[in-house]
Amino acid sequence: PSSFEPCGIGQMVAQAYGTLPIVRYTGGLADTVA
């Protein structure tokens, strides 16, 4: 739930393991999580 996140790697790694990321829509988090 980052206040800002230029891209972020953790959310994409989580997806690779079938783990659903819970993110704030900012930076790359908004680009990678639907």
PDB file of all heavy atoms in Angstrom:
ATOM      1  N   PRO A   1       0.808  -1.223   0.000  1.00  0.00           N
ATOM      2  CA  PRO A   1       0.000   0.000   0.000  1.00  0.00           C
ATOM      3  C   PRO A   1       0.842   1.274   0.000  1.00  0.00           C
ATOM      4  O   PRO A   1       0.695   2.146   0.859  1.00  0.00           O
ATOM      5  CB  PRO A   1      -0.795  -0.138   1.298  1.00  0.00           C
ATOM      6  CG  PRO A   1       0.169  -0.825   2.228  1.00  0.00           C
ATOM      7  CD  PRO A   1       0.996  -1.758   1.362  1.00  0.00           C
ATOM      8  N   SER A   2       1.719   1.421  -0.959  1.00  0.00           N
ATOM      9  CA  SER A   2       2.731   2.477  -0.940  1.00  0.00           C
ATOM     10  C   SER A   2       2.126   3.868  -1.132  1.00  0.00           C
ATOM     11  O   SER A   2       1.165   4.045  -1.881  1.00  0.00           O
ATOM     12  CB  SER A   2       3.762   2.230  -2.038  1.00  0.00           C
ATOM     13  OG  SER A   2       4.356   0.953  -1.910  1.00  0.00           O
ATOM     14  N   SER A   3       2.739   4.860  -0.504  1.00  0.00           N
ATOM     15  CA  SER A   3       2.339   6.243  -0.752  1.00  0.00           C
ATOM     16  C   SER A   3       2.767   6.671  -2.148  1.00  0.00           C
ATOM     17  O   SER A   3       2.075   7.424  -2.828  1.00  0.00           O
ATOM     18  CB  SER A   3       2.944   7.173   0.297  1.00  0.00           C
ATOM     19  OG  SER A   3       4.358   7.125   0.260  1.00  0.00           O
ATOM     20  N   PHE A   4       3.930   6.197  -2.587  1.00  0.00           N
ATOM     21  CA  PHE A   4       4.344   6.328  -3.983  1.00  0.00           C
ATOM     22  C   PHE A   4       5.195   5.115  -4.321  1.00  0.00           C
ATOM     23  O   PHE A   4       5.822   4.509  -3.456  1.00  0.00           O
ATOM     24  CB  PHE A   4       5.108   7.635  -4.240  1.00  0.00           C
ATOM     25  CG  PHE A   4       6.501   7.684  -3.661  1.00  0.00           C
ATOM     26  CD1 PHE A   4       7.603   7.315  -4.415  1.00  0.00           C
ATOM     27  CD2 PHE A   4       6.707   8.103  -2.355  1.00  0.00           C
ATOM     28  CE1 PHE A   4       8.889   7.359  -3.887  1.00  0.00           C
ATOM     29  CE2 PHE A   4       7.984   8.155  -1.811  1.00  0.00           C
ATOM     30  CZ  PHE A   4       9.075   7.790  -2.573  1.00  0.00           C
ATOM     31  N   GLU A   5       5.196   4.742  -5.568  1.00  0.00           N
ATOM     32  CA  GLU A   5       5.951   3.557  -6.003  1.00  0.00           C
ATOM     33  C   GLU A   5       6.241   3.719  -7.491  1.00  0.00           C
ATOM     34  O   GLU A   5       5.384   3.464  -8.330  1.00  0.00           O
ATOM     35  CB  GLU A   5       5.133   2.292  -5.759  1.00  0.00           C
ATOM     36  CG  GLU A   5       5.941   1.011  -5.814  1.00  0.00           C
ATOM     37  CD  GLU A   5       6.922   0.896  -4.644  1.00  0.00           C
ATOM     38  OE1 GLU A   5       6.479   0.880  -3.493  1.00  0.00           O
ATOM     39  OE2 GLU A   5       8.145   0.823  -4.937  1.00  0.00           O
ATOM     40  N   PRO A   6       7.451   4.181  -7.834  1.00  0.00           N
ATOM     41  CA  PRO A   6       7.756   4.394  -9.254  1.00  0.00           C
ATOM     42  C   PRO A   6       7.388   3.211 -10.136  1.00  0.00           C
ATOM     43  O   PRO A   6       6.795   3.372 -11.195  1.00  0.00           O
ATOM     44  CB  PRO A   6       9.266   4.653  -9.238  1.00  0.00           C
ATOM     45  CG  PRO A   6       9.494   5.301  -7.902  1.00  0.00           C
ATOM     46  CD  PRO A   6       8.561   4.593  -6.958  1.00  0.00           C
ATOM     47  N   CYS A   7       7.738   2.014  -9.730  1.00  0.00           N
ATOM     48  CA  CYS A   7       7.284   0.817 -10.437  1.00  0.00           C
ATOM     49  C   CYS A   7       6.862  -0.247  -9.444  1.00  0.00           C
ATOM     50  O   CYS A   7       5.711  -0.624  -9.365  1.00  0.00           O
ATOM     51  CB  CYS A   7       8.350   0.264 -11.381  1.00  0.00           C
ATOM     52  SG  CYS A   7       7.769  -1.220 -12.249  1.00  0.00           S
ATOM     53  N   GLY A   8       7.820  -0.710  -8.668  1.00  0.00           N
ATOM     54  CA  GLY A   8       7.554  -1.823  -7.771  1.00  0.00           C
ATOM     55  C   GLY A   8       7.850  -3.133  -8.455  1.00  0.00           C
ATOM     56  O   GLY A   8       7.528  -3.330  -9.633  1.00  0.00           O
ATOM     57  N   ILE A   9       8.480  -4.011  -7.743  1.00  0.00           N
ATOM     58  CA  ILE A   9       8.787  -5.352  -8.221  1.00  0.00           C
ATOM     59  C   ILE A   9       7.941  -6.382  -7.480  1.00  0.00           C
ATOM     60  O   ILE A   9       7.455  -7.356  -8.062  1.00  0.00           O
ATOM     61  CB  ILE A   9      10.288  -5.661  -8.003  1.00  0.00           C
ATOM     62  CG1 ILE A   9      11.161  -4.740  -8.865  1.00  0.00           C
ATOM     63  CG2 ILE A   9      10.585  -7.122  -8.314  1.00  0.00           C
ATOM     64  CD1 ILE A   9      11.057  -4.967 -10.345  1.00  0.00           C
ATOM     65  N   GLY A  10       7.713  -6.131  -6.185  1.00  0.00           N
ATOM     66  CA  GLY A  10       7.055  -7.117  -5.334  1.00  0.00           C
ATOM     67  C   GLY A  10       5.703  -7.553  -5.840  1.00  0.00           C
ATOM     68  O   GLY A  10       5.356  -8.738  -5.760  1.00  0.00           O
ATOM     69  N   GLN A  11       4.919  -6.608  -6.376  1.00  0.00           N
ATOM     70  CA  GLN A  11       3.580  -6.982  -6.821  1.00  0.00           C
ATOM     71  C   GLN A  11       3.640  -7.937  -8.017  1.00  0.00           C
ATOM     72  O   GLN A  11       2.800  -8.839  -8.148  1.00  0.00           O
ATOM     73  CB  GLN A  11       2.750  -5.736  -7.151  1.00  0.00           C
ATOM     74  CG  GLN A  11       2.998  -5.089  -8.505  1.00  0.00           C
ATOM     75  CD  GLN A  11       4.233  -4.205  -8.551  1.00  0.00           C
ATOM     76  OE1 GLN A  11       5.057  -4.215  -7.657  1.00  0.00           O
ATOM     77  NE2 GLN A  11       4.349  -3.421  -9.608  1.00  0.00           N
ATOM     78  N   MET A  12       4.648  -7.766  -8.876  1.00  0.00           N
ATOM     79  CA  MET A  12       4.776  -8.646 -10.036  1.00  0.00           C
ATOM     80  C   MET A  12       5.332 -10.013  -9.640  1.00  0.00           C
ATOM     81  O   MET A  12       4.935 -11.034 -10.189  1.00  0.00           O
ATOM     82  CB  MET A  12       5.638  -7.979 -11.112  1.00  0.00           C
ATOM     83  CG  MET A  12       4.974  -6.767 -11.738  1.00  0.00           C
ATOM     84  SD  MET A  12       5.905  -6.082 -13.139  1.00  0.00           S
ATOM     85  CE  MET A  12       7.152  -5.126 -12.264  1.00  0.00           C
ATOM     86  N   VAL A  13       6.263 -10.010  -8.682  1.00  0.00           N
ATOM     87  CA  VAL A  13       6.769 -11.284  -8.158  1.00  0.00           C
ATOM     88  C   VAL A  13       5.627 -12.064  -7.516  1.00  0.00           C
ATOM     89  O   VAL A  13       5.477 -13.270  -7.720  1.00  0.00           O
ATOM     90  CB  VAL A  13       7.912 -11.049  -7.154  1.00  0.00           C
ATOM     91  CG1 VAL A  13       8.335 -12.365  -6.515  1.00  0.00           C
ATOM     92  CG2 VAL A  13       9.103 -10.387  -7.839  1.00  0.00           C
ATOM     93  N   ALA A  14       4.817 -11.368  -6.719  1.00  0.00           N
ATOM     94  CA  ALA A  14       3.678 -12.025  -6.076  1.00  0.00           C
ATOM     95  C   ALA A  14       2.775 -12.679  -7.121  1.00  0.00           C
ATOM     96  O   ALA A  14       2.360 -13.839  -6.963  1.00  0.00           O
ATOM     97  CB  ALA A  14       2.897 -11.010  -5.248  1.00  0.00           C
ATOM     98  N   GLN A  15       2.484 -11.964  -8.182  1.00  0.00           N
ATOM     99  CA  GLN A  15       1.629 -12.530  -9.231  1.00  0.00           C
ATOM    100  C   GLN A  15       2.245 -13.791  -9.828  1.00  0.00           C
ATOM    101  O   GLN A  15       1.529 -14.754 -10.138  1.00  0.00           O
ATOM    102  CB  GLN A  15       1.392 -11.481 -10.328  1.00  0.00           C
ATOM    103  CG  GLN A  15       0.476 -10.354  -9.887  1.00  0.00           C
ATOM    104  CD  GLN A  15       0.467  -9.179 -10.859  1.00  0.00           C
ATOM    105  OE1 GLN A  15       1.410  -8.977 -11.625  1.00  0.00           O
ATOM    106  NE2 GLN A  15      -0.606  -8.393 -10.824  1.00  0.00           N
ATOM    107  N   ALA A  16       3.561 -13.815  -9.958  1.00  0.00           N
ATOM    108  CA  ALA A  16       4.230 -14.993 -10.521  1.00  0.00           C
ATOM    109  C   ALA A  16       4.049 -16.229  -9.660  1.00  0.00           C
ATOM    110  O   ALA A  16       4.196 -17.356 -10.140  1.00  0.00           O
ATOM    111  CB  ALA A  16       5.724 -14.709 -10.719  1.00  0.00           C
ATOM    112  N   TYR A  17       3.721 -16.029  -8.366  1.00  0.00           N
ATOM    113  CA  TYR A  17       3.500 -17.144  -7.441  1.00  0.00           C
ATOM    114  C   TYR A  17       2.015 -17.355  -7.135  1.00  0.00           C
ATOM    115  O   TYR A  17       1.678 -18.065  -6.193  1.00  0.00           O
ATOM    116  CB  TYR A  17       4.281 -16.911  -6.149  1.00  0.00           C
ATOM    117  CG  TYR A  17       5.775 -17.081  -6.317  1.00  0.00           C
ATOM    118  CD1 TYR A  17       6.552 -16.046  -6.836  1.00  0.00           C
ATOM    119  CD2 TYR A  17       6.408 -18.276  -5.996  1.00  0.00           C
ATOM    120  CE1 TYR A  17       7.917 -16.190  -7.014  1.00  0.00           C
ATOM    121  CE2 TYR A  17       7.779 -18.427  -6.163  1.00  0.00           C
ATOM    122  CZ  TYR A  17       8.524 -17.386  -6.677  1.00  0.00           C
ATOM    123  OH  TYR A  17       9.889 -17.540  -6.863  1.00  0.00           O
ATOM    124  N   GLY A  18       1.138 -16.714  -7.922  1.00  0.00           N
ATOM    125  CA  GLY A  18      -0.287 -16.877  -7.694  1.00  0.00           C
ATOM    126  C   GLY A  18      -0.761 -16.204  -6.419  1.00  0.00           C
ATOM    127  O   GLY A  18      -1.787 -16.588  -5.854  1.00  0.00           O
ATOM    128  N   THR A  19      -0.043 -15.181  -5.987  1.00  0.00           N
ATOM    129  CA  THR A  19      -0.394 -14.421  -4.791  1.00  0.00           C
ATOM    130  C   THR A  19      -0.963 -13.077  -5.231  1.00  0.00           C
ATOM    131  O   THR A  19      -0.310 -12.352  -5.993  1.00  0.00           O
ATOM    132  CB  THR A  19       0.848 -14.221  -3.903  1.00  0.00           C
ATOM    133  OG1 THR A  19       1.315 -15.506  -3.484  1.00  0.00           O
ATOM    134  CG2 THR A  19       0.536 -13.381  -2.691  1.00  0.00           C
ATOM    135  N   LEU A  20      -2.147 -12.735  -4.776  1.00  0.00           N
ATOM    136  CA  LEU A  20      -2.824 -11.527  -5.241  1.00  0.00           C
ATOM    137  C   LEU A  20      -2.265 -10.292  -4.531  1.00  0.00           C
ATOM    138  O   LEU A  20      -2.345 -10.189  -3.303  1.00  0.00           O
ATOM    139  CB  LEU A  20      -4.331 -11.614  -4.987  1.00  0.00           C
ATOM    140  CG  LEU A  20      -5.187 -12.380  -5.999  1.00  0.00           C
ATOM    141  CD1 LEU A  20      -4.742 -13.824  -6.164  1.00  0.00           C
ATOM    142  CD2 LEU A  20      -6.661 -12.293  -5.620  1.00  0.00           C
ATOM    143  N   PRO A  21      -1.694  -9.339  -5.269  1.00  0.00           N
ATOM    144  CA  PRO A  21      -1.192  -8.124  -4.632  1.00  0.00           C
ATOM    145  C   PRO A  21      -2.331  -7.193  -4.235  1.00  0.00           C
ATOM    146  O   PRO A  21      -3.324  -7.052  -4.956  1.00  0.00           O
ATOM    147  CB  PRO A  21      -0.310  -7.492  -5.707  1.00  0.00           C
ATOM    148  CG  PRO A  21      -0.790  -8.057  -6.997  1.00  0.00           C
ATOM    149  CD  PRO A  21      -1.373  -9.393  -6.704  1.00  0.00           C
ATOM    150  N   ILE A  22      -2.183  -6.575  -3.078  1.00  0.00           N
ATOM    151  CA  ILE A  22      -3.091  -5.525  -2.614  1.00  0.00           C
ATOM    152  C   ILE A  22      -2.298  -4.232  -2.653  1.00  0.00           C
ATOM    153  O   ILE A  22      -1.341  -4.052  -1.890  1.00  0.00           O
ATOM    154  CB  ILE A  22      -3.599  -5.809  -1.191  1.00  0.00           C
ATOM    155  CG1 ILE A  22      -4.411  -7.112  -1.164  1.00  0.00           C
ATOM    156  CG2 ILE A  22      -4.441  -4.648  -0.671  1.00  0.00           C
ATOM    157  CD1 ILE A  22      -4.848  -7.537   0.231  1.00  0.00           C
ATOM    158  N   VAL A  23      -2.648  -3.321  -3.555  1.00  0.00           N
ATOM    159  CA  VAL A  23      -1.818  -2.154  -3.834  1.00  0.00           C
ATOM    160  C   VAL A  23      -2.631  -0.877  -3.790  1.00  0.00           C
ATOM    161  O   VAL A  23      -3.843  -0.874  -3.973  1.00  0.00           O
ATOM    162  CB  VAL A  23      -1.142  -2.265  -5.217  1.00  0.00           C
ATOM    163  CG1 VAL A  23      -0.362  -3.568  -5.352  1.00  0.00           C
ATOM    164  CG2 VAL A  23      -2.168  -2.144  -6.351  1.00  0.00           C
ATOM    165  N   ARG A  24      -1.930   0.212  -3.528  1.00  0.00           N
ATOM    166  CA  ARG A  24      -2.517   1.527  -3.785  1.00  0.00           C
ATOM    167  C   ARG A  24      -2.217   1.879  -5.235  1.00  0.00           C
ATOM    168  O   ARG A  24      -1.100   1.661  -5.721  1.00  0.00           O
ATOM    169  CB  ARG A  24      -1.920   2.579  -2.855  1.00  0.00           C
ATOM    170  CG  ARG A  24      -2.453   3.972  -3.166  1.00  0.00           C
ATOM    171  CD  ARG A  24      -2.007   5.008  -2.157  1.00  0.00           C
ATOM    172  NE  ARG A  24      -2.430   6.328  -2.608  1.00  0.00           N
ATOM    173  CZ  ARG A  24      -1.645   7.197  -3.243  1.00  0.00           C
ATOM    174  NH1 ARG A  24      -0.384   6.884  -3.477  1.00  0.00           N
ATOM    175  NH2 ARG A  24      -2.119   8.368  -3.624  1.00  0.00           N
ATOM    176  N   TYR A  25      -3.196   2.424  -5.928  1.00  0.00           N
ATOM    177  CA  TYR A  25      -3.012   2.750  -7.332  1.00  0.00           C
ATOM    178  C   TYR A  25      -2.120   3.983  -7.477  1.00  0.00           C
ATOM    179  O   TYR A  25      -2.575   5.121  -7.475  1.00  0.00           O
ATOM    180  CB  TYR A  25      -4.359   3.013  -8.006  1.00  0.00           C
ATOM    181  CG  TYR A  25      -5.228   1.794  -8.199  1.00  0.00           C
ATOM    182  CD1 TYR A  25      -6.578   1.824  -7.862  1.00  0.00           C
ATOM    183  CD2 TYR A  25      -4.711   0.611  -8.731  1.00  0.00           C
ATOM    184  CE1 TYR A  25      -7.388   0.715  -8.057  1.00  0.00           C
ATOM    185  CE2 TYR A  25      -5.505  -0.502  -8.930  1.00  0.00           C
ATOM    186  CZ  TYR A  25      -6.850  -0.450  -8.586  1.00  0.00           C
ATOM    187  OH  TYR A  25      -7.646  -1.551  -8.781  1.00  0.00           O
ATOM    188  N   THR A  26      -0.829   3.744  -7.590  1.00  0.00           N
ATOM    189  CA  THR A  26       0.148   4.798  -7.822  1.00  0.00           C
ATOM    190  C   THR A  26       1.283   4.228  -8.647  1.00  0.00           C
ATOM    191  O   THR A  26       1.614   3.038  -8.533  1.00  0.00           O
ATOM    192  CB  THR A  26       0.683   5.371  -6.487  1.00  0.00           C
ATOM    193  OG1 THR A  26       1.599   6.438  -6.760  1.00  0.00           O
ATOM    194  CG2 THR A  26       1.411   4.311  -5.670  1.00  0.00           C
ATOM    195  N   GLY A  27       1.902   5.031  -9.506  1.00  0.00           N
ATOM    196  CA  GLY A  27       3.059   4.599 -10.285  1.00  0.00           C
ATOM    197  C   GLY A  27       2.843   3.278 -10.981  1.00  0.00           C
ATOM    198  O   GLY A  27       1.791   3.006 -11.568  1.00  0.00           O
ATOM    199  N   GLY A  28       3.858   2.424 -10.895  1.00  0.00           N
ATOM    200  CA  GLY A  28       3.794   1.129 -11.562  1.00  0.00           C
ATOM    201  C   GLY A  28       2.778   0.178 -10.970  1.00  0.00           C
ATOM    202  O   GLY A  28       2.379  -0.789 -11.623  1.00  0.00           O
ATOM    203  N   LEU A  29       2.356   0.425  -9.731  1.00  0.00           N
ATOM    204  CA  LEU A  29       1.320  -0.424  -9.142  1.00  0.00           C
ATOM    205  C   LEU A  29       0.024  -0.285  -9.929  1.00  0.00           C
ATOM    206  O   LEU A  29      -0.696  -1.264 -10.143  1.00  0.00           O
ATOM    207  CB  LEU A  29       1.101  -0.049  -7.673  1.00  0.00           C
ATOM    208  CG  LEU A  29       2.326  -0.166  -6.765  1.00  0.00           C
ATOM    209  CD1 LEU A  29       1.978   0.258  -5.341  1.00  0.00           C
ATOM    210  CD2 LEU A  29       2.876  -1.589  -6.760  1.00  0.00           C
ATOM    211  N   ALA A  30      -0.268   0.933 -10.364  1.00  0.00           N
ATOM    212  CA  ALA A  30      -1.469   1.152 -11.174  1.00  0.00           C
ATOM    213  C   ALA A  30      -1.340   0.521 -12.555  1.00  0.00           C
ATOM    214  O   ALA A  30      -2.349   0.151 -13.170  1.00  0.00           O
ATOM    215  CB  ALA A  30      -1.737   2.649 -11.311  1.00  0.00           C
ATOM    216  N   ASP A  31      -0.103   0.392 -13.052  1.00  0.00           N
ATOM    217  CA  ASP A  31       0.115  -0.169 -14.391  1.00  0.00           C
ATOM    218  C   ASP A  31       0.114  -1.689 -14.402  1.00  0.00           C
ATOM    219  O   ASP A  31      -0.021  -2.292 -15.477  1.00  0.00           O
ATOM    220  CB  ASP A  31       1.458   0.323 -14.953  1.00  0.00           C
ATOM    221  CG  ASP A  31       1.448   1.806 -15.260  1.00  0.00           C
ATOM    222  OD1 ASP A  31       0.410   2.314 -15.707  1.00  0.00           O
ATOM    223  OD2 ASP A  31       2.480   2.465 -15.034  1.00  0.00           O
ATOM    224  N   THR A  32       0.289  -2.331 -13.248  1.00  0.00           N
ATOM    225  CA  THR A  32       0.500  -3.787 -13.239  1.00  0.00           C
ATOM    226  C   THR A  32      -0.587  -4.567 -12.520  1.00  0.00           C
ATOM    227  O   THR A  32      -0.611  -5.790 -12.623  1.00  0.00           O
ATOM    228  CB  THR A  32       1.848  -4.125 -12.564  1.00  0.00           C
ATOM    229  OG1 THR A  32       1.909  -3.497 -11.270  1.00  0.00           O
ATOM    230  CG2 THR A  32       3.020  -3.638 -13.406  1.00  0.00           C
ATOM    231  N   VAL A  33      -1.472  -3.880 -11.797  1.00  0.00           N
ATOM    232  CA  VAL A  33      -2.515  -4.581 -11.040  1.00  0.00           C
ATOM    233  C   VAL A  33      -3.889  -4.111 -11.505  1.00  0.00           C
ATOM    234  O   VAL A  33      -4.195  -2.913 -11.440  1.00  0.00           O
ATOM    235  CB  VAL A  33      -2.364  -4.350  -9.526  1.00  0.00           C
ATOM    236  CG1 VAL A  33      -3.520  -5.004  -8.765  1.00  0.00           C
ATOM    237  CG2 VAL A  33      -1.030  -4.901  -9.035  1.00  0.00           C
ATOM    238  N   ALA A  34      -4.688  -5.057 -11.973  1.00  0.00           N
ATOM    239  CA  ALA A  34      -6.085  -4.794 -12.324  1.00  0.00           C
ATOM    240  C   ALA A  34      -6.940  -5.287 -11.165  1.00  0.00           C
ATOM    241  O   ALA A  34      -6.977  -6.483 -10.865  1.00  0.00           O
ATOM    242  CB  ALA A  34      -6.458  -5.522 -13.619  1.00  0.00           C
TER     243      ALA A  34
END
